Amino acid sequence: MIDRRGFIASGSILALVSGEAAAAPAADAPPKGSPLAASDATAEPLYALTPNEAEFLTAIVDAFIPADDLSPSGSECGVVTFIDRQLAGAYGAGARLYQDGPFQPSNERPQFGSQSPLAPLAFIRLGIAELDTWATAQRGARVSQLSKPELEALLRDIEAGKVALPRIDARAFFAALLQLSMEGFFSDPIYGGNRGKASWRMIGYPGLPATYAKAIKDHRGRRYEAEPRSIADFL
């Protein structure tokens, strides 16, 4: 499975879903536009995810981004909150995706991008449900209940193509979660992730680059250290 340095350096993912993916069940979907009660998994209101889905994603993002001497864990950095807010908005609804057929198997035409009739929210929701069902049957527990070594072993198997889900390409689901986790970890904190600007402090990124234009000449060829500043710092 991708290690911490690999996660930081990674900049690409697999295609999003297989062409055989079917519509996701919406029985436990929260009311549109209405936040659920705050979940222990995120300590923030949930706008798209159910508490069980948030617990699933907490386990996954903490496997991708474990707490160490570099930063807090992914969930502590607000990555689950970021994903929830993205899925609750235009991205989750697939507002900027072309979703008319024909659809090709994603492993045959990866350069074509997403090959699914599902919008991201429906895709993530179906993937969570199917992987939880698979893990319960094959590993004896839901994903969020697996031990750390068990979860890491499962993610390695998914990444290697050893897990087959009924209606979702498991590797594509893994890739989508990895991409969302990277975005949440490195995004501007105004979007819910990168809490405390933890990832920016880790890599030495000062935040909004346009605000440092005048410092380029004075610091050319020398290390530049500054308190990171986000969009919210200018509001």
C-alpha atoms as a PDB file:
ATOM      1  CA  MET A   1       0.000   0.000   0.000  1.00  0.00           C
ATOM      2  CA  ILE A   2       1.111   3.588  -0.539  1.00  0.00           C
ATOM      3  CA  ASP A   3       3.331   4.825   2.300  1.00  0.00           C
ATOM      4  CA  ARG A   4       3.357   8.269   3.905  1.00  0.00           C
ATOM      5  CA  ARG A   5       5.970   9.709   1.560  1.00  0.00           C
ATOM      6  CA  GLY A   6       4.231   8.125  -1.395  1.00  0.00           C
ATOM      7  CA  PHE A   7       0.959   9.700  -0.300  1.00  0.00           C
ATOM      8  CA  ILE A   8       2.537  13.136  -0.107  1.00  0.00           C
ATOM      9  CA  ALA A   9       4.171  12.767  -3.505  1.00  0.00           C
ATOM     10  CA  SER A  10       1.250  11.096  -5.259  1.00  0.00           C
ATOM     11  CA  GLY A  11      -0.503  13.161  -7.870  1.00  0.00           C
ATOM     12  CA  SER A  12      -2.559  10.725  -9.894  1.00  0.00           C
ATOM     13  CA  ILE A  13      -5.298   8.128  -9.371  1.00  0.00           C
ATOM     14  CA  LEU A  14      -7.068   5.405 -11.301  1.00  0.00           C
ATOM     15  CA  ALA A  15     -10.281   5.974 -13.262  1.00  0.00           C
ATOM     16  CA  LEU A  16     -13.277   6.445 -10.993  1.00  0.00           C
ATOM     17  CA  VAL A  17     -15.639   3.521 -11.565  1.00  0.00           C
ATOM     18  CA  SER A  18     -16.294   0.502 -13.746  1.00  0.00           C
ATOM     19  CA  GLY A  19     -18.932   0.687 -16.429  1.00  0.00           C
ATOM     20  CA  GLU A  20     -21.006  -1.977 -14.659  1.00  0.00           C
ATOM     21  CA  ALA A  21     -21.678   0.192 -11.564  1.00  0.00           C
ATOM     22  CA  ALA A  22     -25.359   0.498 -10.740  1.00  0.00           C
ATOM     23  CA  ALA A  23     -27.342   3.148  -8.929  1.00  0.00           C
ATOM     24  CA  ALA A  24     -26.510   3.483  -5.244  1.00  0.00           C
ATOM     25  CA  PRO A  25     -29.111   2.797  -2.565  1.00  0.00           C
ATOM     26  CA  ALA A  26     -30.294   5.970  -0.859  1.00  0.00           C
ATOM     27  CA  ALA A  27     -32.225   4.519   2.046  1.00  0.00           C
ATOM     28  CA  ASP A  28     -29.939   5.942   4.732  1.00  0.00           C
ATOM     29  CA  ALA A  29     -29.064   9.156   2.942  1.00  0.00           C
ATOM     30  CA  PRO A  30     -29.461  12.293   5.088  1.00  0.00           C
ATOM     31  CA  PRO A  31     -32.034  14.915   4.050  1.00  0.00           C
ATOM     32  CA  LYS A  32     -30.600  17.115   1.333  1.00  0.00           C
ATOM     33  CA  GLY A  33     -29.210  20.386   2.669  1.00  0.00           C
ATOM     34  CA  SER A  34     -29.820  19.397   6.296  1.00  0.00           C
ATOM     35  CA  PRO A  35     -26.807  18.620   8.521  1.00  0.00           C
ATOM     36  CA  LEU A  36     -26.981  15.507  10.674  1.00  0.00           C
ATOM     37  CA  ALA A  37     -25.986  15.601  14.294  1.00  0.00           C
ATOM     38  CA  ALA A  38     -22.237  15.912  14.770  1.00  0.00           C
ATOM     39  CA  SER A  39     -20.492  12.543  14.544  1.00  0.00           C
ATOM     40  CA  ASP A  40     -17.720  11.447  16.884  1.00  0.00           C
ATOM     41  CA  ALA A  41     -15.806  10.534  13.729  1.00  0.00           C
ATOM     42  CA  THR A  42     -15.554  14.116  12.544  1.00  0.00           C
ATOM     43  CA  ALA A  43     -16.556  16.387  15.469  1.00  0.00           C
ATOM     44  CA  GLU A  44     -18.343  18.440  12.814  1.00  0.00           C
ATOM     45  CA  PRO A  45     -21.914  18.376  11.452  1.00  0.00           C
ATOM     46  CA  LEU A  46     -22.396  15.935   8.578  1.00  0.00           C
ATOM     47  CA  TYR A  47     -24.120  17.234   5.451  1.00  0.00           C
ATOM     48  CA  ALA A  48     -23.879  14.244   3.092  1.00  0.00           C
ATOM     49  CA  LEU A  49     -22.502  11.277   5.000  1.00  0.00           C
ATOM     50  CA  THR A  50     -24.280   9.150   7.566  1.00  0.00           C
ATOM     51  CA  PRO A  51     -22.461   8.542  10.887  1.00  0.00           C
ATOM     52  CA  ASN A  52     -21.586   4.998   9.765  1.00  0.00           C
ATOM     53  CA  GLU A  53     -20.164   6.318   6.483  1.00  0.00           C
ATOM     54  CA  ALA A  54     -18.142   8.904   8.391  1.00  0.00           C
ATOM     55  CA  GLU A  55     -16.713   6.167  10.628  1.00  0.00           C
ATOM     56  CA  PHE A  56     -15.764   4.169   7.528  1.00  0.00           C
ATOM     57  CA  LEU A  57     -13.972   7.153   6.003  1.00  0.00           C
ATOM     58  CA  THR A  58     -12.273   7.985   9.302  1.00  0.00           C
ATOM     59  CA  ALA A  59     -10.695   4.531   9.336  1.00  0.00           C
ATOM     60  CA  ILE A  60      -9.600   4.878   5.717  1.00  0.00           C
ATOM     61  CA  VAL A  61      -8.120   8.374   5.910  1.00  0.00           C
ATOM     62  CA  ASP A  62      -6.283   7.490   9.126  1.00  0.00           C
ATOM     63  CA  ALA A  63      -4.770   4.491   7.331  1.00  0.00           C
ATOM     64  CA  PHE A  64      -3.671   6.793   4.496  1.00  0.00           C
ATOM     65  CA  ILE A  65      -2.483   9.532   6.886  1.00  0.00           C
ATOM     66  CA  PRO A  66      -1.546   8.066  10.274  1.00  0.00           C
ATOM     67  CA  ALA A  67      -0.586  10.347  13.124  1.00  0.00           C
ATOM     68  CA  ASP A  68       3.188  10.583  13.380  1.00  0.00           C
ATOM     69  CA  ASP A  69       5.968  13.095  13.919  1.00  0.00           C
ATOM     70  CA  LEU A  70       5.030  14.795  10.635  1.00  0.00           C
ATOM     71  CA  SER A  71       1.387  15.650  11.360  1.00  0.00           C
ATOM     72  CA  PRO A  72      -1.788  14.581  13.150  1.00  0.00           C
ATOM     73  CA  SER A  73      -3.895  11.849  11.537  1.00  0.00           C
ATOM     74  CA  GLY A  74      -6.088  12.483   8.528  1.00  0.00           C
ATOM     75  CA  SER A  75      -9.307  12.635  10.537  1.00  0.00           C
ATOM     76  CA  GLU A  76      -7.690  14.927  13.120  1.00  0.00           C
ATOM     77  CA  CYS A  77      -6.752  17.208  10.218  1.00  0.00           C
ATOM     78  CA  GLY A  78     -10.408  17.371   9.126  1.00  0.00           C
ATOM     79  CA  VAL A  79     -10.120  15.220   6.008  1.00  0.00           C
ATOM     80  CA  VAL A  80     -13.471  13.493   6.655  1.00  0.00           C
ATOM     81  CA  THR A  81     -15.114  16.894   7.117  1.00  0.00           C
ATOM     82  CA  PHE A  82     -13.632  18.029   3.808  1.00  0.00           C
ATOM     83  CA  ILE A  83     -14.924  14.935   1.998  1.00  0.00           C
ATOM     84  CA  ASP A  84     -18.386  15.311   3.519  1.00  0.00           C
ATOM     85  CA  ARG A  85     -18.640  18.954   2.435  1.00  0.00           C
ATOM     86  CA  GLN A  86     -17.433  18.181  -1.069  1.00  0.00           C
ATOM     87  CA  LEU A  87     -19.919  15.347  -1.472  1.00  0.00           C
ATOM     88  CA  ALA A  88     -22.723  17.558  -0.168  1.00  0.00           C
ATOM     89  CA  GLY A  89     -22.099  20.181  -2.850  1.00  0.00           C
ATOM     90  CA  ALA A  90     -21.830  20.467  -6.614  1.00  0.00           C
ATOM     91  CA  TYR A  91     -18.934  18.005  -6.793  1.00  0.00           C
ATOM     92  CA  GLY A  92     -20.947  15.293  -5.069  1.00  0.00           C
ATOM     93  CA  ALA A  93     -23.842  15.852  -7.460  1.00  0.00           C
ATOM     94  CA  GLY A  94     -21.535  15.499 -10.471  1.00  0.00           C
ATOM     95  CA  ALA A  95     -22.311  19.039 -11.638  1.00  0.00           C
ATOM     96  CA  ARG A  96     -19.203  19.270 -13.833  1.00  0.00           C
ATOM     97  CA  LEU A  97     -19.023  15.647 -14.972  1.00  0.00           C
ATOM     98  CA  TYR A  98     -20.163  14.285 -18.306  1.00  0.00           C
ATOM     99  CA  GLN A  99     -22.417  11.430 -17.285  1.00  0.00           C
ATOM    100  CA  ASP A 100     -24.094  10.357 -20.529  1.00  0.00           C
ATOM    101  CA  GLY A 101     -23.121   7.059 -22.128  1.00  0.00           C
ATOM    102  CA  PRO A 102     -21.790   5.048 -23.708  1.00  0.00           C
ATOM    103  CA  PHE A 103     -19.558   3.899 -20.850  1.00  0.00           C
ATOM    104  CA  GLN A 104     -16.415   1.855 -21.347  1.00  0.00           C
ATOM    105  CA  PRO A 105     -14.804  -0.437 -18.733  1.00  0.00           C
ATOM    106  CA  SER A 106     -12.506   1.928 -16.847  1.00  0.00           C
ATOM    107  CA  ASN A 107      -9.565  -0.508 -16.924  1.00  0.00           C
ATOM    108  CA  GLU A 108      -9.703  -0.561 -20.739  1.00  0.00           C
ATOM    109  CA  ARG A 109      -9.884   3.200 -21.336  1.00  0.00           C
ATOM    110  CA  PRO A 110      -8.292   4.874 -18.272  1.00  0.00           C
ATOM    111  CA  GLN A 111      -7.455   7.974 -20.335  1.00  0.00           C
ATOM    112  CA  PHE A 112     -11.167   8.633 -20.783  1.00  0.00           C
ATOM    113  CA  GLY A 113     -11.651   9.477 -17.109  1.00  0.00           C
ATOM    114  CA  SER A 114     -14.794   8.570 -15.205  1.00  0.00           C
ATOM    115  CA  GLN A 115     -16.818   5.877 -16.980  1.00  0.00           C
ATOM    116  CA  SER A 116     -19.849   5.753 -14.727  1.00  0.00           C
ATOM    117  CA  PRO A 117     -23.450   6.912 -14.613  1.00  0.00           C
ATOM    118  CA  LEU A 118     -22.951   7.601 -10.899  1.00  0.00           C
ATOM    119  CA  ALA A 119     -22.234  11.035  -9.466  1.00  0.00           C
ATOM    120  CA  PRO A 120     -19.404  11.060  -6.873  1.00  0.00           C
ATOM    121  CA  LEU A 121     -21.726  11.005  -3.840  1.00  0.00           C
ATOM    122  CA  ALA A 122     -23.629   7.987  -5.154  1.00  0.00           C
ATOM    123  CA  PHE A 123     -20.366   6.283  -6.105  1.00  0.00           C
ATOM    124  CA  ILE A 124     -18.743   6.804  -2.707  1.00  0.00           C
ATOM    125  CA  ARG A 125     -21.906   5.739  -0.884  1.00  0.00           C
ATOM    126  CA  LEU A 126     -22.223   2.542  -2.926  1.00  0.00           C
ATOM    127  CA  GLY A 127     -18.516   1.787  -2.510  1.00  0.00           C
ATOM    128  CA  ILE A 128     -18.729   2.159   1.266  1.00  0.00           C
ATOM    129  CA  ALA A 129     -21.757  -0.130   1.464  1.00  0.00           C
ATOM    130  CA  GLU A 130     -20.244  -2.791  -0.774  1.00  0.00           C
ATOM    131  CA  LEU A 131     -16.812  -2.813   0.844  1.00  0.00           C
ATOM    132  CA  ASP A 132     -18.353  -2.969   4.323  1.00  0.00           C
ATOM    133  CA  THR A 133     -20.459  -5.939   3.221  1.00  0.00           C
ATOM    134  CA  TRP A 134     -17.404  -7.629   1.682  1.00  0.00           C
ATOM    135  CA  ALA A 135     -15.240  -7.000   4.766  1.00  0.00           C
ATOM    136  CA  THR A 136     -17.925  -8.367   7.091  1.00  0.00           C
ATOM    137  CA  ALA A 137     -18.241 -11.541   5.021  1.00  0.00           C
ATOM    138  CA  GLN A 138     -14.545 -12.075   4.273  1.00  0.00           C
ATOM    139  CA  ARG A 139     -12.742 -10.500   7.258  1.00  0.00           C
ATOM    140  CA  GLY A 140     -15.383 -10.829   9.978  1.00  0.00           C
ATOM    141  CA  ALA A 141     -15.900  -7.127  10.686  1.00  0.00           C
ATOM    142  CA  ARG A 142     -16.900  -3.854   9.072  1.00  0.00           C
ATOM    143  CA  VAL A 143     -14.051  -1.721   7.743  1.00  0.00           C
ATOM    144  CA  SER A 144     -14.163   0.702  10.687  1.00  0.00           C
ATOM    145  CA  GLN A 145     -13.944  -2.242  13.109  1.00  0.00           C
ATOM    146  CA  LEU A 146     -10.831  -3.838  11.601  1.00  0.00           C
ATOM    147  CA  SER A 147      -7.562  -3.560  13.471  1.00  0.00           C
ATOM    148  CA  LYS A 148      -4.904  -1.333  11.955  1.00  0.00           C
ATOM    149  CA  PRO A 149      -2.892  -4.266  10.509  1.00  0.00           C
ATOM    150  CA  GLU A 150      -6.088  -5.854   9.146  1.00  0.00           C
ATOM    151  CA  LEU A 151      -7.194  -2.621   7.493  1.00  0.00           C
ATOM    152  CA  GLU A 152      -3.768  -2.025   5.960  1.00  0.00           C
ATOM    153  CA  ALA A 153      -3.759  -5.578   4.610  1.00  0.00           C
ATOM    154  CA  LEU A 154      -7.218  -5.036   3.113  1.00  0.00           C
ATOM    155  CA  LEU A 155      -6.139  -1.801   1.431  1.00  0.00           C
ATOM    156  CA  ARG A 156      -3.079  -3.533  -0.018  1.00  0.00           C
ATOM    157  CA  ASP A 157      -5.314  -6.251  -1.433  1.00  0.00           C
ATOM    158  CA  ILE A 158      -7.643  -3.659  -2.975  1.00  0.00           C
ATOM    159  CA  GLU A 159      -4.749  -1.743  -4.486  1.00  0.00           C
ATOM    160  CA  ALA A 160      -3.385  -4.988  -5.941  1.00  0.00           C
ATOM    161  CA  GLY A 161      -6.738  -5.856  -7.533  1.00  0.00           C
ATOM    162  CA  LYS A 162      -7.439  -8.809  -5.217  1.00  0.00           C
ATOM    163  CA  VAL A 163     -10.856  -7.578  -4.030  1.00  0.00           C
ATOM    164  CA  ALA A 164     -13.908  -7.806  -6.300  1.00  0.00           C
ATOM    165  CA  LEU A 165     -17.101  -5.951  -5.411  1.00  0.00           C
ATOM    166  CA  PRO A 166     -20.457  -6.658  -7.115  1.00  0.00           C
ATOM    167  CA  ARG A 167     -21.152  -3.285  -8.716  1.00  0.00           C
ATOM    168  CA  ILE A 168     -18.065  -1.130  -8.055  1.00  0.00           C
ATOM    169  CA  ASP A 169     -14.482  -1.387  -9.263  1.00  0.00           C
ATOM    170  CA  ALA A 170     -12.720  -1.771  -5.904  1.00  0.00           C
ATOM    171  CA  ARG A 171      -9.423  -0.356  -7.181  1.00  0.00           C
ATOM    172  CA  ALA A 172     -11.203   2.664  -8.596  1.00  0.00           C
ATOM    173  CA  PHE A 173     -12.985   3.173  -5.270  1.00  0.00           C
ATOM    174  CA  PHE A 174      -9.626   3.007  -3.473  1.00  0.00           C
ATOM    175  CA  ALA A 175      -8.200   5.542  -5.921  1.00  0.00           C
ATOM    176  CA  ALA A 176     -11.125   7.929  -5.452  1.00  0.00           C
ATOM    177  CA  LEU A 177     -10.754   7.803  -1.670  1.00  0.00           C
ATOM    178  CA  LEU A 178      -7.010   8.393  -1.966  1.00  0.00           C
ATOM    179  CA  GLN A 179      -7.570  11.404  -4.219  1.00  0.00           C
ATOM    180  CA  LEU A 180     -10.173  12.924  -1.897  1.00  0.00           C
ATOM    181  CA  SER A 181      -7.893  12.316   1.082  1.00  0.00           C
ATOM    182  CA  MET A 182      -4.994  14.086  -0.624  1.00  0.00           C
ATOM    183  CA  GLU A 183      -7.214  17.009  -1.553  1.00  0.00           C
ATOM    184  CA  GLY A 184      -8.584  17.280   1.981  1.00  0.00           C
ATOM    185  CA  PHE A 185      -5.159  17.057   3.584  1.00  0.00           C
ATOM    186  CA  PHE A 186      -3.521  19.719   1.406  1.00  0.00           C
ATOM    187  CA  SER A 187      -6.486  22.007   0.682  1.00  0.00           C
ATOM    188  CA  ASP A 188      -7.069  25.465   2.072  1.00  0.00           C
ATOM    189  CA  PRO A 189      -8.494  25.023   5.601  1.00  0.00           C
ATOM    190  CA  ILE A 190     -11.563  27.058   4.661  1.00  0.00           C
ATOM    191  CA  TYR A 191     -12.909  23.897   2.987  1.00  0.00           C
ATOM    192  CA  GLY A 192     -12.812  21.867   6.198  1.00  0.00           C
ATOM    193  CA  GLY A 193      -9.575  19.893   5.796  1.00  0.00           C
ATOM    194  CA  ASN A 194      -5.962  20.724   6.624  1.00  0.00           C
ATOM    195  CA  ARG A 195      -7.091  21.713  10.130  1.00  0.00           C
ATOM    196  CA  GLY A 196      -4.572  23.984  11.784  1.00  0.00           C
ATOM    197  CA  LYS A 197      -2.782  24.174   8.417  1.00  0.00           C
ATOM    198  CA  ALA A 198      -1.003  21.007   9.495  1.00  0.00           C
ATOM    199  CA  SER A 199       0.033  19.842   6.024  1.00  0.00           C
ATOM    200  CA  TRP A 200       1.187  23.306   4.991  1.00  0.00           C
ATOM    201  CA  ARG A 201       3.363  23.538   8.093  1.00  0.00           C
ATOM    202  CA  MET A 202       4.716  20.057   7.378  1.00  0.00           C
ATOM    203  CA  ILE A 203       5.907  20.929   3.854  1.00  0.00           C
ATOM    204  CA  GLY A 204       6.732  24.579   4.518  1.00  0.00           C
ATOM    205  CA  TYR A 205       4.015  26.020   2.267  1.00  0.00           C
ATOM    206  CA  PRO A 206       3.156  29.622   3.248  1.00  0.00           C
ATOM    207  CA  GLY A 207      -0.415  29.597   1.953  1.00  0.00           C
ATOM    208  CA  LEU A 208      -1.872  31.992  -0.588  1.00  0.00           C
ATOM    209  CA  PRO A 209       1.139  32.560  -2.855  1.00  0.00           C
ATOM    210  CA  ALA A 210       0.091  35.904  -4.306  1.00  0.00           C
ATOM    211  CA  THR A 211       0.521  37.545  -0.908  1.00  0.00           C
ATOM    212  CA  TYR A 212       4.242  36.738  -0.926  1.00  0.00           C
ATOM    213  CA  ALA A 213       5.097  38.163  -4.351  1.00  0.00           C
ATOM    214  CA  LYS A 214       7.083  41.069  -2.910  1.00  0.00           C
ATOM    215  CA  ALA A 215       9.236  38.710  -0.842  1.00  0.00           C
ATOM    216  CA  ILE A 216      10.526  36.742  -3.837  1.00  0.00           C
ATOM    217  CA  LYS A 217      13.364  39.118  -4.669  1.00  0.00           C
ATOM    218  CA  ASP A 218      14.630  39.410  -1.095  1.00  0.00           C
ATOM    219  CA  HIS A 219      14.512  35.661  -0.461  1.00  0.00           C
ATOM    220  CA  ARG A 220      15.619  34.279  -3.810  1.00  0.00           C
ATOM    221  CA  GLY A 221      17.874  31.285  -3.167  1.00  0.00           C
ATOM    222  CA  ARG A 222      17.227  31.397   0.580  1.00  0.00           C
ATOM    223  CA  ARG A 223      14.736  29.568   2.768  1.00  0.00           C
ATOM    224  CA  TYR A 224      11.566  31.545   3.328  1.00  0.00           C
ATOM    225  CA  GLU A 225       9.681  30.932   6.544  1.00  0.00           C
ATOM    226  CA  ALA A 226       6.309  32.485   7.285  1.00  0.00           C
ATOM    227  CA  GLU A 227       3.116  31.706   9.144  1.00  0.00           C
ATOM    228  CA  PRO A 228       0.800  30.038   6.587  1.00  0.00           C
ATOM    229  CA  ARG A 229      -2.239  32.069   5.652  1.00  0.00           C
ATOM    230  CA  SER A 230      -5.487  30.701   4.235  1.00  0.00           C
ATOM    231  CA  ILE A 231      -8.410  32.317   2.460  1.00  0.00           C
ATOM    232  CA  ALA A 232     -10.149  32.692   5.809  1.00  0.00           C
ATOM    233  CA  ASP A 233      -7.301  34.874   7.098  1.00  0.00           C
ATOM    234  CA  PHE A 234      -8.238  37.523   4.548  1.00  0.00           C
ATOM    235  CA  LEU A 235     -11.984  37.589   5.186  1.00  0.00           C
END
